[in-house]
PDB file of N, CA and C in Angstrom:
ATOM      1  N   MET A   1      23.817 233.868 -26.904  1.00  0.00           N
ATOM      2  CA  MET A   1      24.944 233.808 -25.980  1.00  0.00           C
ATOM      3  C   MET A   1      25.253 232.339 -25.636  1.00  0.00           C
ATOM      4  N   GLU A   2      24.186 231.456 -25.502  1.00  0.00           N
ATOM      5  CA  GLU A   2      24.412 230.054 -25.205  1.00  0.00           C
ATOM      6  C   GLU A   2      25.312 229.376 -26.208  1.00  0.00           C
ATOM      7  N   LYS A   3      25.134 229.753 -27.529  1.00  0.00           N
ATOM      8  CA  LYS A   3      25.903 229.205 -28.487  1.00  0.00           C
ATOM      9  C   LYS A   3      27.450 229.472 -28.321  1.00  0.00           C
ATOM     10  N   LEU A   4      27.703 230.728 -27.958  1.00  0.00           N
ATOM     11  CA  LEU A   4      29.105 231.062 -27.737  1.00  0.00           C
ATOM     12  C   LEU A   4      29.691 230.372 -26.553  1.00  0.00           C
ATOM     13  N   TYR A   5      28.947 230.284 -25.458  1.00  0.00           N
ATOM     14  CA  TYR A   5      29.337 229.535 -24.269  1.00  0.00           C
ATOM     15  C   TYR A   5      29.597 228.108 -24.562  1.00  0.00           C
ATOM     16  N   THR A   6      28.723 227.502 -25.386  1.00  0.00           N
ATOM     17  CA  THR A   6      28.835 226.108 -25.730  1.00  0.00           C
ATOM     18  C   THR A   6      30.183 225.915 -26.464  1.00  0.00           C
ATOM     19  N   VAL A   7      30.442 226.690 -27.562  1.00  0.00           N
ATOM     20  CA  VAL A   7      31.538 226.538 -28.295  1.00  0.00           C
ATOM     21  C   VAL A   7      32.873 226.765 -27.518  1.00  0.00           C
ATOM     22  N   GLY A   8      32.820 227.847 -26.644  1.00  0.00           N
ATOM     23  CA  GLY A   8      34.078 228.067 -25.833  1.00  0.00           C
ATOM     24  C   GLY A   8      34.351 227.015 -24.894  1.00  0.00           C
ATOM     25  N   LEU A   9      33.319 226.476 -24.229  1.00  0.00           N
ATOM     26  CA  LEU A   9      33.486 225.327 -23.258  1.00  0.00           C
ATOM     27  C   LEU A   9      33.979 224.083 -23.952  1.00  0.00           C
ATOM     28  N   LEU A  10      33.445 223.839 -25.211  1.00  0.00           N
ATOM     29  CA  LEU A  10      33.830 222.640 -25.972  1.00  0.00           C
ATOM     30  C   LEU A  10      35.334 222.787 -26.438  1.00  0.00           C
ATOM     31  N   ILE A  11      35.752 224.020 -26.756  1.00  0.00           N
ATOM     32  CA  ILE A  11      37.191 224.270 -27.141  1.00  0.00           C
ATOM     33  C   ILE A  11      38.029 223.900 -25.939  1.00  0.00           C
ATOM     34  N   GLY A  12      37.715 224.472 -24.776  1.00  0.00           N
ATOM     35  CA  GLY A  12      38.492 224.140 -23.572  1.00  0.00           C
ATOM     36  C   GLY A  12      38.434 222.710 -23.283  1.00  0.00           C
ATOM     37  N   SER A  13      37.304 222.052 -23.334  1.00  0.00           N
ATOM     38  CA  SER A  13      37.172 220.614 -23.042  1.00  0.00           C
ATOM     39  C   SER A  13      38.048 219.810 -23.994  1.00  0.00           C
ATOM     40  N   ASN A  14      38.064 220.184 -25.212  1.00  0.00           N
ATOM     41  CA  ASN A  14      38.857 219.376 -26.221  1.00  0.00           C
ATOM     42  C   ASN A  14      40.366 219.606 -26.017  1.00  0.00           C
ATOM     43  N   LEU A  15      40.737 220.791 -25.561  1.00  0.00           N
ATOM     44  CA  LEU A  15      42.146 220.953 -25.212  1.00  0.00           C
ATOM     45  C   LEU A  15      42.581 219.975 -24.123  1.00  0.00           C
ATOM     46  N   PHE A  16      41.786 219.851 -23.026  1.00  0.00           N
ATOM     47  CA  PHE A  16      42.090 218.947 -21.976  1.00  0.00           C
ATOM     48  C   PHE A  16      42.035 217.461 -22.479  1.00  0.00           C
ATOM     49  N   MET A  17      40.975 217.180 -23.300  1.00  0.00           N
ATOM     50  CA  MET A  17      40.831 215.791 -23.822  1.00  0.00           C
ATOM     51  C   MET A  17      41.949 215.397 -24.684  1.00  0.00           C
ATOM     52  N   THR A  18      42.392 216.264 -25.607  1.00  0.00           N
ATOM     53  CA  THR A  18      43.518 215.941 -26.504  1.00  0.00           C
ATOM     54  C   THR A  18      44.823 215.678 -25.712  1.00  0.00           C
ATOM     55  N   TYR A  19      45.052 216.481 -24.736  1.00  0.00           N
ATOM     56  CA  TYR A  19      46.194 216.353 -23.943  1.00  0.00           C
ATOM     57  C   TYR A  19      46.139 215.108 -23.186  1.00  0.00           C
ATOM     58  N   ALA A  20      44.986 214.749 -22.475  1.00  0.00           N
ATOM     59  CA  ALA A  20      44.818 213.512 -21.778  1.00  0.00           C
ATOM     60  C   ALA A  20      44.985 212.288 -22.655  1.00  0.00           C
ATOM     61  N   TRP A  21      44.565 212.376 -23.845  1.00  0.00           N
ATOM     62  CA  TRP A  21      44.723 211.168 -24.738  1.00  0.00           C
ATOM     63  C   TRP A  21      46.046 211.061 -25.354  1.00  0.00           C
ATOM     64  N   TYR A  22      46.680 212.184 -25.686  1.00  0.00           N
ATOM     65  CA  TYR A  22      47.939 212.118 -26.484  1.00  0.00           C
ATOM     66  C   TYR A  22      49.171 212.736 -25.780  1.00  0.00           C
ATOM     67  N   GLY A  23      49.065 213.679 -24.883  1.00  0.00           N
ATOM     68  CA  GLY A  23      50.185 214.360 -24.243  1.00  0.00           C
ATOM     69  C   GLY A  23      51.087 213.448 -23.583  1.00  0.00           C
ATOM     70  N   HIS A  24      50.596 212.411 -22.985  1.00  0.00           N
ATOM     71  CA  HIS A  24      51.429 211.442 -22.274  1.00  0.00           C
ATOM     72  C   HIS A  24      52.455 210.789 -23.191  1.00  0.00           C
ATOM     73  N   LEU A  25      52.170 210.721 -24.461  1.00  0.00           N
ATOM     74  CA  LEU A  25      53.068 210.093 -25.395  1.00  0.00           C
ATOM     75  C   LEU A  25      54.404 210.837 -25.530  1.00  0.00           C
ATOM     76  N   LYS A  26      54.309 212.206 -25.262  1.00  0.00           N
ATOM     77  CA  LYS A  26      55.496 212.987 -25.281  1.00  0.00           C
ATOM     78  C   LYS A  26      56.089 213.197 -23.813  1.00  0.00           C
ATOM     79  N   ASP A  27      55.160 213.526 -22.905  1.00  0.00           N
ATOM     80  CA  ASP A  27      55.593 213.936 -21.583  1.00  0.00           C
ATOM     81  C   ASP A  27      55.857 212.766 -20.586  1.00  0.00           C
ATOM     82  N   LEU A  28      55.140 211.678 -20.789  1.00  0.00           N
ATOM     83  CA  LEU A  28      55.290 210.640 -19.786  1.00  0.00           C
ATOM     84  C   LEU A  28      55.775 209.301 -20.363  1.00  0.00           C
ATOM     85  N   LYS A  29      56.480 209.411 -21.490  1.00  0.00           N
ATOM     86  CA  LYS A  29      57.008 208.143 -22.093  1.00  0.00           C
ATOM     87  C   LYS A  29      58.021 207.532 -21.180  1.00  0.00           C
ATOM     88  N   GLY A  30      57.998 206.285 -21.058  1.00  0.00           N
ATOM     89  CA  GLY A  30      58.940 205.619 -20.105  1.00  0.00           C
ATOM     90  C   GLY A  30      58.389 205.489 -18.663  1.00  0.00           C
ATOM     91  N   LYS A  31      57.286 206.149 -18.410  1.00  0.00           N
ATOM     92  CA  LYS A  31      56.729 206.012 -17.051  1.00  0.00           C
ATOM     93  C   LYS A  31      55.837 204.827 -16.983  1.00  0.00           C
ATOM     94  N   ALA A  32      55.584 204.280 -15.824  1.00  0.00           N
ATOM     95  CA  ALA A  32      54.701 203.164 -15.596  1.00  0.00           C
ATOM     96  C   ALA A  32      53.281 203.431 -16.162  1.00  0.00           C
ATOM     97  N   LEU A  33      52.758 202.446 -16.778  1.00  0.00           N
ATOM     98  CA  LEU A  33      51.418 202.613 -17.371  1.00  0.00           C
ATOM     99  C   LEU A  33      50.339 203.057 -16.404  1.00  0.00           C
ATOM    100  N   PHE A  34      50.368 202.478 -15.165  1.00  0.00           N
ATOM    101  CA  PHE A  34      49.459 202.877 -14.161  1.00  0.00           C
ATOM    102  C   PHE A  34      49.496 204.429 -13.876  1.00  0.00           C
ATOM    103  N   LEU A  35      50.749 204.948 -13.743  1.00  0.00           N
ATOM    104  CA  LEU A  35      50.888 206.363 -13.441  1.00  0.00           C
ATOM    105  C   LEU A  35      50.449 207.182 -14.633  1.00  0.00           C
ATOM    106  N   VAL A  36      50.655 206.725 -15.828  1.00  0.00           N
ATOM    107  CA  VAL A  36      50.176 207.439 -17.047  1.00  0.00           C
ATOM    108  C   VAL A  36      48.653 207.469 -17.067  1.00  0.00           C
ATOM    109  N   VAL A  37      48.022 206.306 -16.760  1.00  0.00           N
ATOM    110  CA  VAL A  37      46.569 206.257 -16.734  1.00  0.00           C
ATOM    111  C   VAL A  37      45.978 207.237 -15.656  1.00  0.00           C
ATOM    112  N   MET A  38      46.564 207.227 -14.507  1.00  0.00           N
ATOM    113  CA  MET A  38      46.110 208.087 -13.420  1.00  0.00           C
ATOM    114  C   MET A  38      46.318 209.546 -13.784  1.00  0.00           C
ATOM    115  N   ALA A  39      47.451 209.926 -14.425  1.00  0.00           N
ATOM    116  CA  ALA A  39      47.613 211.289 -14.864  1.00  0.00           C
ATOM    117  C   ALA A  39      46.624 211.681 -15.925  1.00  0.00           C
ATOM    118  N   SER A  40      46.393 210.779 -16.908  1.00  0.00           N
ATOM    119  CA  SER A  40      45.489 211.107 -17.918  1.00  0.00           C
ATOM    120  C   SER A  40      44.017 211.154 -17.364  1.00  0.00           C
ATOM    121  N   TRP A  41      43.624 210.389 -16.412  1.00  0.00           N
ATOM    122  CA  TRP A  41      42.293 210.500 -15.842  1.00  0.00           C
ATOM    123  C   TRP A  41      42.181 211.802 -15.033  1.00  0.00           C
ATOM    124  N   THR A  42      43.242 212.300 -14.423  1.00  0.00           N
ATOM    125  CA  THR A  42      43.189 213.609 -13.657  1.00  0.00           C
ATOM    126  C   THR A  42      42.930 214.678 -14.705  1.00  0.00           C
ATOM    127  N   VAL A  43      43.653 214.685 -15.849  1.00  0.00           N
ATOM    128  CA  VAL A  43      43.437 215.720 -16.783  1.00  0.00           C
ATOM    129  C   VAL A  43      42.006 215.600 -17.367  1.00  0.00           C
ATOM    130  N   ALA A  44      41.532 214.352 -17.550  1.00  0.00           N
ATOM    131  CA  ALA A  44      40.190 214.140 -18.151  1.00  0.00           C
ATOM    132  C   ALA A  44      39.085 214.666 -17.212  1.00  0.00           C
ATOM    133  N   PHE A  45      39.301 214.703 -15.881  1.00  0.00           N
ATOM    134  CA  PHE A  45      38.374 215.237 -14.962  1.00  0.00           C
ATOM    135  C   PHE A  45      38.039 216.694 -15.297  1.00  0.00           C
ATOM    136  N   PHE A  46      39.094 217.463 -15.706  1.00  0.00           N
ATOM    137  CA  PHE A  46      38.955 218.880 -16.123  1.00  0.00           C
ATOM    138  C   PHE A  46      38.240 218.980 -17.417  1.00  0.00           C
ATOM    139  N   GLU A  47      38.520 217.955 -18.387  1.00  0.00           N
ATOM    140  CA  GLU A  47      37.784 217.912 -19.587  1.00  0.00           C
ATOM    141  C   GLU A  47      36.214 217.885 -19.246  1.00  0.00           C
ATOM    142  N   TYR A  48      35.880 216.907 -18.382  1.00  0.00           N
ATOM    143  CA  TYR A  48      34.507 216.719 -18.089  1.00  0.00           C
ATOM    144  C   TYR A  48      33.866 217.859 -17.363  1.00  0.00           C
ATOM    145  N   CYS A  49      34.642 218.664 -16.623  1.00  0.00           N
ATOM    146  CA  CYS A  49      34.173 219.894 -15.902  1.00  0.00           C
ATOM    147  C   CYS A  49      33.722 220.900 -16.941  1.00  0.00           C
ATOM    148  N   LEU A  50      34.236 220.873 -18.143  1.00  0.00           N
ATOM    149  CA  LEU A  50      33.893 221.791 -19.160  1.00  0.00           C
ATOM    150  C   LEU A  50      32.933 221.217 -20.167  1.00  0.00           C
ATOM    151  N   GLN A  51      33.086 219.889 -20.450  1.00  0.00           N
ATOM    152  CA  GLN A  51      32.249 219.246 -21.449  1.00  0.00           C
ATOM    153  C   GLN A  51      30.767 219.053 -21.008  1.00  0.00           C
ATOM    154  N   VAL A  52      30.577 218.627 -19.769  1.00  0.00           N
ATOM    155  CA  VAL A  52      29.207 218.460 -19.292  1.00  0.00           C
ATOM    156  C   VAL A  52      28.403 219.817 -19.314  1.00  0.00           C
ATOM    157  N   PRO A  53      28.944 220.897 -18.812  1.00  0.00           N
ATOM    158  CA  PRO A  53      28.163 222.133 -18.898  1.00  0.00           C
ATOM    159  C   PRO A  53      27.976 222.650 -20.324  1.00  0.00           C
ATOM    160  N   ALA A  54      29.055 222.339 -21.169  1.00  0.00           N
ATOM    161  CA  ALA A  54      28.858 222.706 -22.650  1.00  0.00           C
ATOM    162  C   ALA A  54      27.681 222.021 -23.259  1.00  0.00           C
ATOM    163  N   ASN A  55      27.571 220.726 -22.934  1.00  0.00           N
ATOM    164  CA  ASN A  55      26.468 219.950 -23.495  1.00  0.00           C
ATOM    165  C   ASN A  55      25.142 220.337 -22.945  1.00  0.00           C
ATOM    166  N   ARG A  56      25.114 220.657 -21.675  1.00  0.00           N
ATOM    167  CA  ARG A  56      23.801 221.110 -21.004  1.00  0.00           C
ATOM    168  C   ARG A  56      23.393 222.415 -21.584  1.00  0.00           C
ATOM    169  N   ILE A  57      24.357 223.352 -21.705  1.00  0.00           N
ATOM    170  CA  ILE A  57      23.956 224.701 -22.260  1.00  0.00           C
ATOM    171  C   ILE A  57      23.587 224.567 -23.705  1.00  0.00           C
ATOM    172  N   GLY A  58      24.432 223.822 -24.489  1.00  0.00           N
ATOM    173  CA  GLY A  58      24.276 223.649 -25.953  1.00  0.00           C
ATOM    174  C   GLY A  58      22.989 222.986 -26.257  1.00  0.00           C
ATOM    175  N   TYR A  59      22.490 222.026 -25.505  1.00  0.00           N
ATOM    176  CA  TYR A  59      21.301 221.263 -25.810  1.00  0.00           C
ATOM    177  C   TYR A  59      20.110 222.169 -25.767  1.00  0.00           C
ATOM    178  N   GLN A  60      20.225 223.323 -25.163  1.00  0.00           N
ATOM    179  CA  GLN A  60      19.143 224.287 -25.124  1.00  0.00           C
ATOM    180  C   GLN A  60      18.934 224.956 -26.499  1.00  0.00           C
ATOM    181  N   VAL A  61      20.051 225.063 -27.256  1.00  0.00           N
ATOM    182  CA  VAL A  61      19.913 225.817 -28.539  1.00  0.00           C
ATOM    183  C   VAL A  61      20.321 224.981 -29.805  1.00  0.00           C
ATOM    184  N   PHE A  62      20.794 223.809 -29.560  1.00  0.00           N
ATOM    185  CA  PHE A  62      21.194 222.939 -30.680  1.00  0.00           C
ATOM    186  C   PHE A  62      20.507 221.638 -30.515  1.00  0.00           C
ATOM    187  N   SER A  63      20.316 220.907 -31.650  1.00  0.00           N
ATOM    188  CA  SER A  63      19.862 219.504 -31.558  1.00  0.00           C
ATOM    189  C   SER A  63      21.001 218.688 -31.089  1.00  0.00           C
ATOM    190  N   LEU A  64      20.765 217.455 -30.670  1.00  0.00           N
ATOM    191  CA  LEU A  64      21.759 216.535 -30.252  1.00  0.00           C
ATOM    192  C   LEU A  64      22.784 216.335 -31.430  1.00  0.00           C
ATOM    193  N   GLY A  65      22.286 216.075 -32.568  1.00  0.00           N
ATOM    194  CA  GLY A  65      23.212 215.816 -33.715  1.00  0.00           C
ATOM    195  C   GLY A  65      24.092 216.962 -34.041  1.00  0.00           C
ATOM    196  N   GLN A  66      23.466 218.227 -33.959  1.00  0.00           N
ATOM    197  CA  GLN A  66      24.264 219.474 -34.210  1.00  0.00           C
ATOM    198  C   GLN A  66      25.336 219.569 -33.076  1.00  0.00           C
ATOM    199  N   LEU A  67      25.010 219.274 -31.838  1.00  0.00           N
ATOM    200  CA  LEU A  67      25.963 219.379 -30.797  1.00  0.00           C
ATOM    201  C   LEU A  67      27.110 218.471 -30.987  1.00  0.00           C
ATOM    202  N   LYS A  68      26.869 217.196 -31.463  1.00  0.00           N
ATOM    203  CA  LYS A  68      27.882 216.233 -31.740  1.00  0.00           C
ATOM    204  C   LYS A  68      28.787 216.693 -32.810  1.00  0.00           C
ATOM    205  N   VAL A  69      28.227 217.177 -33.929  1.00  0.00           N
ATOM    206  CA  VAL A  69      29.025 217.626 -35.060  1.00  0.00           C
ATOM    207  C   VAL A  69      29.928 218.827 -34.690  1.00  0.00           C
ATOM    208  N   ILE A  70      29.324 219.739 -33.852  1.00  0.00           N
ATOM    209  CA  ILE A  70      30.142 220.848 -33.406  1.00  0.00           C
ATOM    210  C   ILE A  70      31.351 220.351 -32.678  1.00  0.00           C
ATOM    211  N   GLN A  71      31.106 219.426 -31.751  1.00  0.00           N
ATOM    212  CA  GLN A  71      32.212 218.883 -30.995  1.00  0.00           C
ATOM    213  C   GLN A  71      33.280 218.234 -31.785  1.00  0.00           C
ATOM    214  N   GLU A  72      32.841 217.458 -32.877  1.00  0.00           N
ATOM    215  CA  GLU A  72      33.784 216.799 -33.663  1.00  0.00           C
ATOM    216  C   GLU A  72      34.609 217.766 -34.548  1.00  0.00           C
ATOM    217  N   ILE A  73      34.009 218.854 -35.002  1.00  0.00           N
ATOM    218  CA  ILE A  73      34.724 219.821 -35.793  1.00  0.00           C
ATOM    219  C   ILE A  73      35.722 220.515 -34.866  1.00  0.00           C
ATOM    220  N   ILE A  74      35.404 220.924 -33.687  1.00  0.00           N
ATOM    221  CA  ILE A  74      36.325 221.435 -32.687  1.00  0.00           C
ATOM    222  C   ILE A  74      37.464 220.403 -32.311  1.00  0.00           C
ATOM    223  N   SER A  75      37.002 219.216 -32.191  1.00  0.00           N
ATOM    224  CA  SER A  75      37.983 218.206 -31.843  1.00  0.00           C
ATOM    225  C   SER A  75      39.128 218.005 -32.883  1.00  0.00           C
ATOM    226  N   VAL A  76      38.733 218.002 -34.144  1.00  0.00           N
ATOM    227  CA  VAL A  76      39.642 217.819 -35.195  1.00  0.00           C
ATOM    228  C   VAL A  76      40.606 219.074 -35.331  1.00  0.00           C
ATOM    229  N   GLY A  77      40.010 220.259 -35.123  1.00  0.00           N
ATOM    230  CA  GLY A  77      40.785 221.448 -35.146  1.00  0.00           C
ATOM    231  C   GLY A  77      41.764 221.537 -34.023  1.00  0.00           C
ATOM    232  N   VAL A  78      41.375 221.175 -32.840  1.00  0.00           N
ATOM    233  CA  VAL A  78      42.263 221.204 -31.666  1.00  0.00           C
ATOM    234  C   VAL A  78      43.274 220.142 -31.869  1.00  0.00           C
ATOM    235  N   PHE A  79      42.897 218.969 -32.316  1.00  0.00           N
ATOM    236  CA  PHE A  79      43.930 217.885 -32.584  1.00  0.00           C
ATOM    237  C   PHE A  79      44.968 218.305 -33.617  1.00  0.00           C
ATOM    238  N   ALA A  80      44.513 218.933 -34.648  1.00  0.00           N
ATOM    239  CA  ALA A  80      45.495 219.364 -35.719  1.00  0.00           C
ATOM    240  C   ALA A  80      46.486 220.327 -35.132  1.00  0.00           C
ATOM    241  N   ALA A  81      45.987 221.302 -34.448  1.00  0.00           N
ATOM    242  CA  ALA A  81      46.857 222.301 -33.785  1.00  0.00           C
ATOM    243  C   ALA A  81      47.774 221.726 -32.776  1.00  0.00           C
ATOM    244  N   PHE A  82      47.309 220.818 -31.983  1.00  0.00           N
ATOM    245  CA  PHE A  82      48.088 220.148 -30.970  1.00  0.00           C
ATOM    246  C   PHE A  82      49.122 219.243 -31.571  1.00  0.00           C
ATOM    247  N   SER A  83      48.745 218.549 -32.650  1.00  0.00           N
ATOM    248  CA  SER A  83      49.760 217.655 -33.331  1.00  0.00           C
ATOM    249  C   SER A  83      50.898 218.467 -33.884  1.00  0.00           C
ATOM    250  N   VAL A  84      50.615 219.568 -34.469  1.00  0.00           N
ATOM    251  CA  VAL A  84      51.672 220.470 -35.051  1.00  0.00           C
ATOM    252  C   VAL A  84      52.488 221.260 -34.055  1.00  0.00           C
ATOM    253  N   ALA A  85      51.779 221.899 -33.149  1.00  0.00           N
ATOM    254  CA  ALA A  85      52.457 222.766 -32.229  1.00  0.00           C
ATOM    255  C   ALA A  85      53.108 222.154 -31.087  1.00  0.00           C
ATOM    256  N   TYR A  86      52.422 221.136 -30.470  1.00  0.00           N
ATOM    257  CA  TYR A  86      52.941 220.492 -29.213  1.00  0.00           C
ATOM    258  C   TYR A  86      53.733 219.212 -29.545  1.00  0.00           C
ATOM    259  N   MET A  87      53.189 218.387 -30.393  1.00  0.00           N
ATOM    260  CA  MET A  87      53.786 217.108 -30.669  1.00  0.00           C
ATOM    261  C   MET A  87      54.838 217.177 -31.793  1.00  0.00           C
ATOM    262  N   LYS A  88      54.844 218.341 -32.412  1.00  0.00           N
ATOM    263  CA  LYS A  88      55.823 218.583 -33.557  1.00  0.00           C
ATOM    264  C   LYS A  88      55.703 217.570 -34.757  1.00  0.00           C
ATOM    265  N   GLU A  89      54.478 217.187 -34.969  1.00  0.00           N
ATOM    266  CA  GLU A  89      54.144 216.349 -36.122  1.00  0.00           C
ATOM    267  C   GLU A  89      53.988 217.339 -37.349  1.00  0.00           C
ATOM    268  N   PRO A  90      54.269 216.791 -38.525  1.00  0.00           N
ATOM    269  CA  PRO A  90      54.187 217.618 -39.672  1.00  0.00           C
ATOM    270  C   PRO A  90      52.619 217.828 -40.045  1.00  0.00           C
ATOM    271  N   LEU A  91      52.354 219.008 -40.515  1.00  0.00           N
ATOM    272  CA  LEU A  91      50.987 219.305 -40.913  1.00  0.00           C
ATOM    273  C   LEU A  91      50.704 218.555 -42.217  1.00  0.00           C
ATOM    274  N   ARG A  92      49.685 217.717 -42.282  1.00  0.00           N
ATOM    275  CA  ARG A  92      49.433 216.929 -43.445  1.00  0.00           C
ATOM    276  C   ARG A  92      48.146 217.321 -44.112  1.00  0.00           C
ATOM    277  N   LEU A  93      48.069 216.976 -45.348  1.00  0.00           N
ATOM    278  CA  LEU A  93      46.912 217.361 -46.138  1.00  0.00           C
ATOM    279  C   LEU A  93      45.722 216.553 -45.625  1.00  0.00           C
ATOM    280  N   ASP A  94      45.911 215.523 -44.957  1.00  0.00           N
ATOM    281  CA  ASP A  94      44.830 214.722 -44.380  1.00  0.00           C
ATOM    282  C   ASP A  94      43.948 215.554 -43.477  1.00  0.00           C
ATOM    283  N   PHE A  95      44.520 216.500 -42.738  1.00  0.00           N
ATOM    284  CA  PHE A  95      43.741 217.400 -41.868  1.00  0.00           C
ATOM    285  C   PHE A  95      42.773 218.150 -42.757  1.00  0.00           C
ATOM    286  N   LEU A  96      43.168 218.621 -43.860  1.00  0.00           N
ATOM    287  CA  LEU A  96      42.225 219.418 -44.782  1.00  0.00           C
ATOM    288  C   LEU A  96      41.122 218.448 -45.264  1.00  0.00           C
ATOM    289  N   TRP A  97      41.431 217.276 -45.668  1.00  0.00           N
ATOM    290  CA  TRP A  97      40.384 216.339 -46.167  1.00  0.00           C
ATOM    291  C   TRP A  97      39.400 215.998 -45.043  1.00  0.00           C
ATOM    292  N   ALA A  98      39.956 215.766 -43.861  1.00  0.00           N
ATOM    293  CA  ALA A  98      39.062 215.450 -42.725  1.00  0.00           C
ATOM    294  C   ALA A  98      38.159 216.710 -42.395  1.00  0.00           C
ATOM    295  N   GLY A  99      38.757 217.905 -42.453  1.00  0.00           N
ATOM    296  CA  GLY A  99      38.053 219.165 -42.275  1.00  0.00           C
ATOM    297  C   GLY A  99      36.899 219.295 -43.211  1.00  0.00           C
ATOM    298  N   LEU A 100      37.171 219.017 -44.552  1.00  0.00           N
ATOM    299  CA  LEU A 100      36.171 219.110 -45.545  1.00  0.00           C
ATOM    300  C   LEU A 100      35.020 218.043 -45.328  1.00  0.00           C
ATOM    301  N   CYS A 101      35.345 216.912 -44.819  1.00  0.00           N
ATOM    302  CA  CYS A 101      34.299 215.908 -44.463  1.00  0.00           C
ATOM    303  C   CYS A 101      33.434 216.456 -43.324  1.00  0.00           C
ATOM    304  N   LEU A 102      34.056 217.154 -42.348  1.00  0.00           N
ATOM    305  CA  LEU A 102      33.244 217.738 -41.318  1.00  0.00           C
ATOM    306  C   LEU A 102      32.428 218.882 -41.741  1.00  0.00           C
ATOM    307  N   VAL A 103      32.941 219.654 -42.720  1.00  0.00           N
ATOM    308  CA  VAL A 103      32.134 220.726 -43.379  1.00  0.00           C
ATOM    309  C   VAL A 103      30.823 220.119 -43.902  1.00  0.00           C
ATOM    310  N   ALA A 104      30.976 218.966 -44.641  1.00  0.00           N
ATOM    311  CA  ALA A 104      29.844 218.325 -45.183  1.00  0.00           C
ATOM    312  C   ALA A 104      28.863 217.816 -44.041  1.00  0.00           C
ATOM    313  N   ALA A 105      29.494 217.320 -43.005  1.00  0.00           N
ATOM    314  CA  ALA A 105      28.682 216.829 -41.865  1.00  0.00           C
ATOM    315  C   ALA A 105      27.865 218.000 -41.292  1.00  0.00           C
ATOM    316  N   ALA A 106      28.556 219.052 -41.097  1.00  0.00           N
ATOM    317  CA  ALA A 106      27.892 220.326 -40.550  1.00  0.00           C
ATOM    318  C   ALA A 106      26.740 220.699 -41.447  1.00  0.00           C
ATOM    319  N   TYR A 107      26.973 220.716 -42.709  1.00  0.00           N
ATOM    320  CA  TYR A 107      25.948 221.159 -43.677  1.00  0.00           C
ATOM    321  C   TYR A 107      24.704 220.288 -43.455  1.00  0.00           C
ATOM    322  N   PHE A 108      24.858 218.956 -43.418  1.00  0.00           N
ATOM    323  CA  PHE A 108      23.734 218.078 -43.333  1.00  0.00           C
ATOM    324  C   PHE A 108      23.028 218.231 -42.027  1.00  0.00           C
ATOM    325  N   MET A 109      23.788 218.551 -40.916  1.00  0.00           N
ATOM    326  CA  MET A 109      23.184 218.589 -39.584  1.00  0.00           C
ATOM    327  C   MET A 109      22.473 219.967 -39.442  1.00  0.00           C
ATOM    328  N   PHE A 110      22.931 221.005 -40.091  1.00  0.00           N
ATOM    329  CA  PHE A 110      22.356 222.289 -39.889  1.00  0.00           C
ATOM    330  C   PHE A 110      21.480 222.800 -41.035  1.00  0.00           C
ATOM    331  N   ARG A 111      21.328 222.115 -42.130  1.00  0.00           N
ATOM    332  CA  ARG A 111      20.689 222.573 -43.269  1.00  0.00           C
ATOM    333  C   ARG A 111      19.111 222.864 -43.069  1.00  0.00           C
ATOM    334  N   GLY A 112      18.576 222.090 -42.175  1.00  0.00           N
ATOM    335  CA  GLY A 112      17.206 222.311 -41.890  1.00  0.00           C
ATOM    336  C   GLY A 112      16.935 223.036 -40.593  1.00  0.00           C
ATOM    337  N   GLY A 113      17.958 223.492 -39.951  1.00  0.00           N
ATOM    338  CA  GLY A 113      17.872 224.148 -38.749  1.00  0.00           C
ATOM    339  C   GLY A 113      17.901 223.282 -37.575  1.00  0.00           C
ATOM    340  N   GLY A 114      17.409 222.017 -37.741  1.00  0.00           N
ATOM    341  CA  GLY A 114      17.414 221.021 -36.640  1.00  0.00           C
ATOM    342  C   GLY A 114      16.353 221.346 -35.587  1.00  0.00           C
ATOM    343  N   ALA A 115      16.042 220.300 -34.924  1.00  0.00           N
ATOM    344  CA  ALA A 115      15.020 220.538 -33.799  1.00  0.00           C
ATOM    345  C   ALA A 115      15.768 220.787 -32.554  1.00  0.00           C
ATOM    346  N   VAL A 116      15.349 221.767 -31.890  1.00  0.00           N
ATOM    347  CA  VAL A 116      15.945 222.181 -30.563  1.00  0.00           C
ATOM    348  C   VAL A 116      15.194 221.420 -29.481  1.00  0.00           C
ATOM    349  N   ALA A 117      15.930 220.871 -28.508  1.00  0.00           N
ATOM    350  CA  ALA A 117      15.294 220.172 -27.371  1.00  0.00           C
ATOM    351  C   ALA A 117      14.371 221.113 -26.663  1.00  0.00           C
ATOM    352  N   SER A 118      13.306 220.602 -26.143  1.00  0.00           N
ATOM    353  CA  SER A 118      12.350 221.365 -25.383  1.00  0.00           C
ATOM    354  C   SER A 118      12.520 221.207 -23.917  1.00  0.00           C
TER     355      SER A 118
END
C-alpha cells in the first residue's frame, strides 16, 4: 500500500510542481516578476505538502535511487500531458525518446531489487 500512496502523492506533487514552474508562462505573462514568483511559490507550497510525505512513505519501501527514478518518470509523464493539454504544445517524438531513457533508468535502478532503508 505504501507504494501506491507514494506514487499517488508524487503524481499530485508533480502536477503542482509543473504548474508552478510553467503555468505562469501562460496565465501570468505580462505580470510583474515579483508577483509571478510569489504565485509560483504559493503553488510550490502545495507541491511540498505532497512531495515530502511521498518521500517519507516511499523511503520505507524503495531505495533512494528508486524513489528518485520513480519521481523523474512521473515528472516527464506529467510534463508531457501538461505541455499538450494545458500549454497546447505539439506532442513531439522527443517525449517518447525521453520516456525510453527513463525506462532504461528504471531497469537499472530496480533490476536487483535495491536496498530498502531500514
